Amino acid sequence: MPEEKYPFRILEVTARNGSHIRQDLQETEISKGKKGYLLTVENIKQEAGRYFDTVILKTDSQIQPEISISVYGNIFSKTP
């Protein structure tokens, strides 16, 4: 949620690699008159193993035009 003193909008969301995750960004009302964002990151990797990616949020802020969020995953195989 953007601070009142430093408002910004998120213009775009991408993943640096994107082969093992799917991301979705929704603008939402946090409380009456206050807007924020809900970022959902979903695993799409099917096989066992680790992965790492970065979700990049591009903003209209001159202070921080880009926000990077690290995403880690470790998928385990099913054991009988």
PDB file of N, CA and C in Angstrom:
ATOM      1  N   MET A   1       0.844  -1.164   0.000  1.00  0.00           N
ATOM      2  CA  MET A   1       0.000   0.000   0.000  1.00  0.00           C
ATOM      3  C   MET A   1       0.897   1.237   0.000  1.00  0.00           C
ATOM      4  N   PRO A   2       0.725   2.122  -0.952  1.00  0.00           N
ATOM      5  CA  PRO A   2       1.530   3.345  -0.991  1.00  0.00           C
ATOM      6  C   PRO A   2       1.284   4.224   0.234  1.00  0.00           C
ATOM      7  N   GLU A   3       2.353   4.834   0.708  1.00  0.00           N
ATOM      8  CA  GLU A   3       2.242   5.770   1.823  1.00  0.00           C
ATOM      9  C   GLU A   3       1.596   7.066   1.329  1.00  0.00           C
ATOM     10  N   GLU A   4       0.821   7.715   2.184  1.00  0.00           N
ATOM     11  CA  GLU A   4       0.156   8.956   1.825  1.00  0.00           C
ATOM     12  C   GLU A   4       1.160  10.031   1.412  1.00  0.00           C
ATOM     13  N   LYS A   5       2.288  10.055   2.100  1.00  0.00           N
ATOM     14  CA  LYS A   5       3.324  11.051   1.845  1.00  0.00           C
ATOM     15  C   LYS A   5       4.048  10.808   0.513  1.00  0.00           C
ATOM     16  N   TYR A   6       4.119   9.529   0.090  1.00  0.00           N
ATOM     17  CA  TYR A   6       4.828   9.160  -1.139  1.00  0.00           C
ATOM     18  C   TYR A   6       3.928   8.299  -2.021  1.00  0.00           C
ATOM     19  N   PRO A   7       2.909   8.881  -2.627  1.00  0.00           N
ATOM     20  CA  PRO A   7       2.003   8.081  -3.451  1.00  0.00           C
ATOM     21  C   PRO A   7       2.687   7.611  -4.739  1.00  0.00           C
ATOM     22  N   PHE A   8       2.261   6.469  -5.216  1.00  0.00           N
ATOM     23  CA  PHE A   8       2.742   5.947  -6.493  1.00  0.00           C
ATOM     24  C   PHE A   8       1.715   4.974  -7.042  1.00  0.00           C
ATOM     25  N   ARG A   9       1.853   4.682  -8.322  1.00  0.00           N
ATOM     26  CA  ARG A   9       1.029   3.663  -8.970  1.00  0.00           C
ATOM     27  C   ARG A   9       1.955   2.612  -9.544  1.00  0.00           C
ATOM     28  N   ILE A  10       1.516   1.374  -9.528  1.00  0.00           N
ATOM     29  CA  ILE A  10       2.262   0.305 -10.188  1.00  0.00           C
ATOM     30  C   ILE A  10       1.740   0.222 -11.611  1.00  0.00           C
ATOM     31  N   LEU A  11       2.652   0.342 -12.557  1.00  0.00           N
ATOM     32  CA  LEU A  11       2.286   0.398 -13.965  1.00  0.00           C
ATOM     33  C   LEU A  11       2.369  -0.955 -14.662  1.00  0.00           C
ATOM     34  N   GLU A  12       3.280  -1.821 -14.176  1.00  0.00           N
ATOM     35  CA  GLU A  12       3.528  -3.090 -14.862  1.00  0.00           C
ATOM     36  C   GLU A  12       4.132  -4.079 -13.879  1.00  0.00           C
ATOM     37  N   VAL A  13       3.806  -5.351 -14.060  1.00  0.00           N
ATOM     38  CA  VAL A  13       4.409  -6.417 -13.266  1.00  0.00           C
ATOM     39  C   VAL A  13       4.933  -7.480 -14.234  1.00  0.00           C
ATOM     40  N   THR A  14       6.197  -7.875 -14.041  1.00  0.00           N
ATOM     41  CA  THR A  14       6.816  -8.907 -14.875  1.00  0.00           C
ATOM     42  C   THR A  14       7.675  -9.798 -13.989  1.00  0.00           C
ATOM     43  N   ALA A  15       8.039 -10.949 -14.521  1.00  0.00           N
ATOM     44  CA  ALA A  15       8.994 -11.829 -13.854  1.00  0.00           C
ATOM     45  C   ALA A  15      10.272 -11.817 -14.671  1.00  0.00           C
ATOM     46  N   ARG A  16      11.402 -11.814 -13.997  1.00  0.00           N
ATOM     47  CA  ARG A  16      12.682 -11.773 -14.704  1.00  0.00           C
ATOM     48  C   ARG A  16      12.805 -12.988 -15.624  1.00  0.00           C
ATOM     49  N   ASN A  17      12.504 -14.193 -15.117  1.00  0.00           N
ATOM     50  CA  ASN A  17      12.579 -15.411 -15.920  1.00  0.00           C
ATOM     51  C   ASN A  17      11.170 -15.834 -16.343  1.00  0.00           C
ATOM     52  N   GLY A  18      10.308 -16.086 -15.367  1.00  0.00           N
ATOM     53  CA  GLY A  18       8.907 -16.392 -15.642  1.00  0.00           C
ATOM     54  C   GLY A  18       8.584 -17.803 -16.056  1.00  0.00           C
ATOM     55  N   SER A  19       9.565 -18.703 -16.065  1.00  0.00           N
ATOM     56  CA  SER A  19       9.282 -20.062 -16.519  1.00  0.00           C
ATOM     57  C   SER A  19       8.656 -20.941 -15.441  1.00  0.00           C
ATOM     58  N   HIS A  20       8.738 -20.551 -14.168  1.00  0.00           N
ATOM     59  CA  HIS A  20       8.198 -21.393 -13.095  1.00  0.00           C
ATOM     60  C   HIS A  20       7.149 -20.708 -12.232  1.00  0.00           C
ATOM     61  N   ILE A  21       6.853 -19.448 -12.522  1.00  0.00           N
ATOM     62  CA  ILE A  21       5.845 -18.732 -11.740  1.00  0.00           C
ATOM     63  C   ILE A  21       4.910 -17.965 -12.658  1.00  0.00           C
ATOM     64  N   ARG A  22       3.736 -17.676 -12.128  1.00  0.00           N
ATOM     65  CA  ARG A  22       2.777 -16.807 -12.789  1.00  0.00           C
ATOM     66  C   ARG A  22       2.428 -15.729 -11.771  1.00  0.00           C
ATOM     67  N   GLN A  23       2.377 -14.483 -12.197  1.00  0.00           N
ATOM     68  CA  GLN A  23       2.080 -13.391 -11.284  1.00  0.00           C
ATOM     69  C   GLN A  23       0.858 -12.618 -11.768  1.00  0.00           C
ATOM     70  N   ASP A  24       0.124 -12.082 -10.784  1.00  0.00           N
ATOM     71  CA  ASP A  24      -1.067 -11.297 -11.082  1.00  0.00           C
ATOM     72  C   ASP A  24      -1.117 -10.142 -10.091  1.00  0.00           C
ATOM     73  N   LEU A  25      -1.422  -8.964 -10.566  1.00  0.00           N
ATOM     74  CA  LEU A  25      -1.494  -7.777  -9.714  1.00  0.00           C
ATOM     75  C   LEU A  25      -2.868  -7.151  -9.861  1.00  0.00           C
ATOM     76  N   GLN A  26      -3.526  -6.927  -8.730  1.00  0.00           N
ATOM     77  CA  GLN A  26      -4.843  -6.304  -8.721  1.00  0.00           C
ATOM     78  C   GLN A  26      -4.800  -5.052  -7.848  1.00  0.00           C
ATOM     79  N   GLU A  27      -5.355  -3.964  -8.353  1.00  0.00           N
ATOM     80  CA  GLU A  27      -5.511  -2.778  -7.521  1.00  0.00           C
ATOM     81  C   GLU A  27      -6.753  -3.010  -6.676  1.00  0.00           C
ATOM     82  N   THR A  28      -6.668  -2.703  -5.386  1.00  0.00           N
ATOM     83  CA  THR A  28      -7.768  -2.981  -4.475  1.00  0.00           C
ATOM     84  C   THR A  28      -7.938  -1.850  -3.482  1.00  0.00           C
ATOM     85  N   GLU A  29      -9.122  -1.757  -2.900  1.00  0.00           N
ATOM     86  CA  GLU A  29      -9.373  -0.766  -1.867  1.00  0.00           C
ATOM     87  C   GLU A  29      -9.070  -1.418  -0.520  1.00  0.00           C
ATOM     88  N   ILE A  30      -8.082  -0.903   0.189  1.00  0.00           N
ATOM     89  CA  ILE A  30      -7.660  -1.446   1.479  1.00  0.00           C
ATOM     90  C   ILE A  30      -8.646  -1.019   2.563  1.00  0.00           C
ATOM     91  N   SER A  31      -8.961   0.249   2.598  1.00  0.00           N
ATOM     92  CA  SER A  31      -9.964   0.794   3.500  1.00  0.00           C
ATOM     93  C   SER A  31     -10.623   1.962   2.770  1.00  0.00           C
ATOM     94  N   LYS A  32     -11.635   2.520   3.352  1.00  0.00           N
ATOM     95  CA  LYS A  32     -12.395   3.564   2.665  1.00  0.00           C
ATOM     96  C   LYS A  32     -11.489   4.681   2.152  1.00  0.00           C
ATOM     97  N   GLY A  33     -11.426   4.800   0.839  1.00  0.00           N
ATOM     98  CA  GLY A  33     -10.636   5.850   0.217  1.00  0.00           C
ATOM     99  C   GLY A  33      -9.158   5.543   0.055  1.00  0.00           C
ATOM    100  N   LYS A  34      -8.665   4.432   0.617  1.00  0.00           N
ATOM    101  CA  LYS A  34      -7.246   4.076   0.503  1.00  0.00           C
ATOM    102  C   LYS A  34      -7.099   2.880  -0.421  1.00  0.00           C
ATOM    103  N   LYS A  35      -6.305   3.091  -1.448  1.00  0.00           N
ATOM    104  CA  LYS A  35      -6.078   2.024  -2.420  1.00  0.00           C
ATOM    105  C   LYS A  35      -4.729   1.368  -2.181  1.00  0.00           C
ATOM    106  N   GLY A  36      -4.642   0.129  -2.582  1.00  0.00           N
ATOM    107  CA  GLY A  36      -3.405  -0.620  -2.473  1.00  0.00           C
ATOM    108  C   GLY A  36      -3.366  -1.656  -3.584  1.00  0.00           C
ATOM    109  N   TYR A  37      -2.449  -2.582  -3.464  1.00  0.00           N
ATOM    110  CA  TYR A  37      -2.272  -3.606  -4.487  1.00  0.00           C
ATOM    111  C   TYR A  37      -2.194  -4.976  -3.839  1.00  0.00           C
ATOM    112  N   LEU A  38      -2.721  -5.975  -4.544  1.00  0.00           N
ATOM    113  CA  LEU A  38      -2.626  -7.360  -4.120  1.00  0.00           C
ATOM    114  C   LEU A  38      -1.840  -8.105  -5.193  1.00  0.00           C
ATOM    115  N   LEU A  39      -0.650  -8.575  -4.829  1.00  0.00           N
ATOM    116  CA  LEU A  39       0.199  -9.330  -5.747  1.00  0.00           C
ATOM    117  C   LEU A  39       0.070 -10.801  -5.410  1.00  0.00           C
ATOM    118  N   THR A  40      -0.306 -11.610  -6.396  1.00  0.00           N
ATOM    119  CA  THR A  40      -0.407 -13.050  -6.227  1.00  0.00           C
ATOM    120  C   THR A  40       0.650 -13.701  -7.107  1.00  0.00           C
ATOM    121  N   VAL A  41       1.469 -14.561  -6.502  1.00  0.00           N
ATOM    122  CA  VAL A  41       2.489 -15.300  -7.248  1.00  0.00           C
ATOM    123  C   VAL A  41       2.147 -16.782  -7.118  1.00  0.00           C
ATOM    124  N   GLU A  42       2.017 -17.450  -8.253  1.00  0.00           N
ATOM    125  CA  GLU A  42       1.600 -18.855  -8.286  1.00  0.00           C
ATOM    126  C   GLU A  42       2.714 -19.710  -8.881  1.00  0.00           C
ATOM    127  N   ASN A  43       2.975 -20.841  -8.241  1.00  0.00           N
ATOM    128  CA  ASN A  43       3.939 -21.807  -8.756  1.00  0.00           C
ATOM    129  C   ASN A  43       3.324 -22.538  -9.949  1.00  0.00           C
ATOM    130  N   ILE A  44       4.068 -22.686 -11.047  1.00  0.00           N
ATOM    131  CA  ILE A  44       3.609 -23.486 -12.180  1.00  0.00           C
ATOM    132  C   ILE A  44       4.608 -24.590 -12.531  1.00  0.00           C
ATOM    133  N   LYS A  45       5.658 -24.708 -11.745  1.00  0.00           N
ATOM    134  CA  LYS A  45       6.662 -25.754 -11.962  1.00  0.00           C
ATOM    135  C   LYS A  45       6.050 -27.097 -11.578  1.00  0.00           C
ATOM    136  N   GLN A  46       6.196 -28.098 -12.422  1.00  0.00           N
ATOM    137  CA  GLN A  46       5.605 -29.409 -12.194  1.00  0.00           C
ATOM    138  C   GLN A  46       6.598 -30.437 -11.648  1.00  0.00           C
ATOM    139  N   GLU A  47       7.833 -30.371 -12.090  1.00  0.00           N
ATOM    140  CA  GLU A  47       8.827 -31.373 -11.697  1.00  0.00           C
ATOM    141  C   GLU A  47       9.518 -30.964 -10.395  1.00  0.00           C
ATOM    142  N   ALA A  48      10.062 -31.968  -9.711  1.00  0.00           N
ATOM    143  CA  ALA A  48      10.764 -31.710  -8.443  1.00  0.00           C
ATOM    144  C   ALA A  48      12.016 -30.871  -8.694  1.00  0.00           C
ATOM    145  N   GLY A  49      12.347 -30.038  -7.728  1.00  0.00           N
ATOM    146  CA  GLY A  49      13.552 -29.222  -7.818  1.00  0.00           C
ATOM    147  C   GLY A  49      13.330 -27.824  -7.286  1.00  0.00           C
ATOM    148  N   ARG A  50      14.423 -27.097  -7.193  1.00  0.00           N
ATOM    149  CA  ARG A  50      14.385 -25.720  -6.704  1.00  0.00           C
ATOM    150  C   ARG A  50      14.294 -24.751  -7.864  1.00  0.00           C
ATOM    151  N   TYR A  51      13.783 -23.570  -7.553  1.00  0.00           N
ATOM    152  CA  TYR A  51      13.825 -22.497  -8.536  1.00  0.00           C
ATOM    153  C   TYR A  51      13.885 -21.155  -7.827  1.00  0.00           C
ATOM    154  N   PHE A  52      14.315 -20.155  -8.561  1.00  0.00           N
ATOM    155  CA  PHE A  52      14.441 -18.790  -8.061  1.00  0.00           C
ATOM    156  C   PHE A  52      14.031 -17.857  -9.191  1.00  0.00           C
ATOM    157  N   ASP A  53      13.321 -16.824  -8.843  1.00  0.00           N
ATOM    158  CA  ASP A  53      12.955 -15.810  -9.835  1.00  0.00           C
ATOM    159  C   ASP A  53      12.802 -14.470  -9.118  1.00  0.00           C
ATOM    160  N   THR A  54      12.573 -13.439  -9.880  1.00  0.00           N
ATOM    161  CA  THR A  54      12.353 -12.108  -9.325  1.00  0.00           C
ATOM    162  C   THR A  54      11.140 -11.494  -9.997  1.00  0.00           C
ATOM    163  N   VAL A  55      10.192 -11.012  -9.195  1.00  0.00           N
ATOM    164  CA  VAL A  55       9.047 -10.277  -9.714  1.00  0.00           C
ATOM    165  C   VAL A  55       9.425  -8.797  -9.684  1.00  0.00           C
ATOM    166  N   ILE A  56       9.223  -8.126 -10.806  1.00  0.00           N
ATOM    167  CA  ILE A  56       9.607  -6.727 -10.936  1.00  0.00           C
ATOM    168  C   ILE A  56       8.350  -5.880 -11.126  1.00  0.00           C
ATOM    169  N   LEU A  57       8.176  -4.907 -10.231  1.00  0.00           N
ATOM    170  CA  LEU A  57       7.053  -3.976 -10.305  1.00  0.00           C
ATOM    171  C   LEU A  57       7.578  -2.627 -10.797  1.00  0.00           C
ATOM    172  N   LYS A  58       7.088  -2.173 -11.940  1.00  0.00           N
ATOM    173  CA  LYS A  58       7.480  -0.860 -12.454  1.00  0.00           C
ATOM    174  C   LYS A  58       6.453   0.147 -11.959  1.00  0.00           C
ATOM    175  N   THR A  59       6.947   1.272 -11.395  1.00  0.00           N
ATOM    176  CA  THR A  59       6.067   2.278 -10.808  1.00  0.00           C
ATOM    177  C   THR A  59       6.244   3.627 -11.495  1.00  0.00           C
ATOM    178  N   ASP A  60       5.375   4.546 -11.139  1.00  0.00           N
ATOM    179  CA  ASP A  60       5.511   5.914 -11.641  1.00  0.00           C
ATOM    180  C   ASP A  60       6.245   6.799 -10.633  1.00  0.00           C
ATOM    181  N   SER A  61       6.859   6.201  -9.628  1.00  0.00           N
ATOM    182  CA  SER A  61       7.573   6.939  -8.585  1.00  0.00           C
ATOM    183  C   SER A  61       8.960   7.347  -9.053  1.00  0.00           C
ATOM    184  N   GLN A  62       9.320   8.599  -8.811  1.00  0.00           N
ATOM    185  CA  GLN A  62      10.677   9.038  -9.121  1.00  0.00           C
ATOM    186  C   GLN A  62      11.650   8.567  -8.050  1.00  0.00           C
ATOM    187  N   ILE A  63      11.146   8.293  -6.851  1.00  0.00           N
ATOM    188  CA  ILE A  63      11.998   7.830  -5.748  1.00  0.00           C
ATOM    189  C   ILE A  63      12.399   6.373  -5.957  1.00  0.00           C
ATOM    190  N   GLN A  64      11.437   5.530  -6.337  1.00  0.00           N
ATOM    191  CA  GLN A  64      11.721   4.116  -6.570  1.00  0.00           C
ATOM    192  C   GLN A  64      10.919   3.646  -7.788  1.00  0.00           C
ATOM    193  N   PRO A  65      11.492   3.819  -8.983  1.00  0.00           N
ATOM    194  CA  PRO A  65      10.759   3.469 -10.198  1.00  0.00           C
ATOM    195  C   PRO A  65      10.584   1.967 -10.407  1.00  0.00           C
ATOM    196  N   GLU A  66      11.319   1.164  -9.648  1.00  0.00           N
ATOM    197  CA  GLU A  66      11.232  -0.287  -9.787  1.00  0.00           C
ATOM    198  C   GLU A  66      11.346  -0.941  -8.417  1.00  0.00           C
ATOM    199  N   ILE A  67      10.464  -1.911  -8.150  1.00  0.00           N
ATOM    200  CA  ILE A  67      10.500  -2.689  -6.913  1.00  0.00           C
ATOM    201  C   ILE A  67      10.732  -4.137  -7.299  1.00  0.00           C
ATOM    202  N   SER A  68      11.765  -4.760  -6.729  1.00  0.00           N
ATOM    203  CA  SER A  68      12.080  -6.158  -7.019  1.00  0.00           C
ATOM    204  C   SER A  68      11.732  -7.027  -5.820  1.00  0.00           C
ATOM    205  N   ILE A  69      11.054  -8.150  -6.093  1.00  0.00           N
ATOM    206  CA  ILE A  69      10.662  -9.088  -5.045  1.00  0.00           C
ATOM    207  C   ILE A  69      11.211 -10.462  -5.418  1.00  0.00           C
ATOM    208  N   SER A  70      12.053 -11.020  -4.549  1.00  0.00           N
ATOM    209  CA  SER A  70      12.634 -12.339  -4.794  1.00  0.00           C
ATOM    210  C   SER A  70      11.612 -13.424  -4.479  1.00  0.00           C
ATOM    211  N   VAL A  71      11.584 -14.447  -5.341  1.00  0.00           N
ATOM    212  CA  VAL A  71      10.674 -15.579  -5.173  1.00  0.00           C
ATOM    213  C   VAL A  71      11.513 -16.853  -5.218  1.00  0.00           C
ATOM    214  N   TYR A  72      11.336 -17.702  -4.205  1.00  0.00           N
ATOM    215  CA  TYR A  72      12.053 -18.971  -4.124  1.00  0.00           C
ATOM    216  C   TYR A  72      11.038 -20.097  -4.036  1.00  0.00           C
ATOM    217  N   GLY A  73      11.380 -21.243  -4.598  1.00  0.00           N
ATOM    218  CA  GLY A  73      10.507 -22.404  -4.486  1.00  0.00           C
ATOM    219  C   GLY A  73      11.323 -23.678  -4.436  1.00  0.00           C
ATOM    220  N   ASN A  74      10.779 -24.678  -3.757  1.00  0.00           N
ATOM    221  CA  ASN A  74      11.411 -25.986  -3.693  1.00  0.00           C
ATOM    222  C   ASN A  74      10.288 -27.014  -3.796  1.00  0.00           C
ATOM    223  N   ILE A  75      10.217 -27.712  -4.922  1.00  0.00           N
ATOM    224  CA  ILE A  75       9.178 -28.695  -5.186  1.00  0.00           C
ATOM    225  C   ILE A  75       9.730 -30.080  -4.862  1.00  0.00           C
ATOM    226  N   PHE A  76       9.008 -30.811  -4.042  1.00  0.00           N
ATOM    227  CA  PHE A  76       9.416 -32.167  -3.675  1.00  0.00           C
ATOM    228  C   PHE A  76       8.598 -33.186  -4.442  1.00  0.00           C
ATOM    229  N   SER A  77       9.220 -34.307  -4.795  1.00  0.00           N
ATOM    230  CA  SER A  77       8.490 -35.370  -5.486  1.00  0.00           C
ATOM    231  C   SER A  77       7.654 -36.144  -4.467  1.00  0.00           C
ATOM    232  N   LYS A  78       6.554 -36.700  -4.931  1.00  0.00           N
ATOM    233  CA  LYS A  78       5.691 -37.494  -4.060  1.00  0.00           C
ATOM    234  C   LYS A  78       6.394 -38.804  -3.719  1.00  0.00           C
ATOM    235  N   THR A  79       6.256 -39.215  -2.473  1.00  0.00           N
ATOM    236  CA  THR A  79       6.819 -40.496  -2.072  1.00  0.00           C
ATOM    237  C   THR A  79       5.656 -41.435  -1.761  1.00  0.00           C
ATOM    238  N   PRO A  80       5.755 -42.672  -2.247  1.00  0.00           N
ATOM    239  CA  PRO A  80       4.646 -43.621  -2.038  1.00  0.00           C
ATOM    240  C   PRO A  80       4.464 -44.030  -0.604  1.00  0.00           C
TER     241      PRO A  80
END
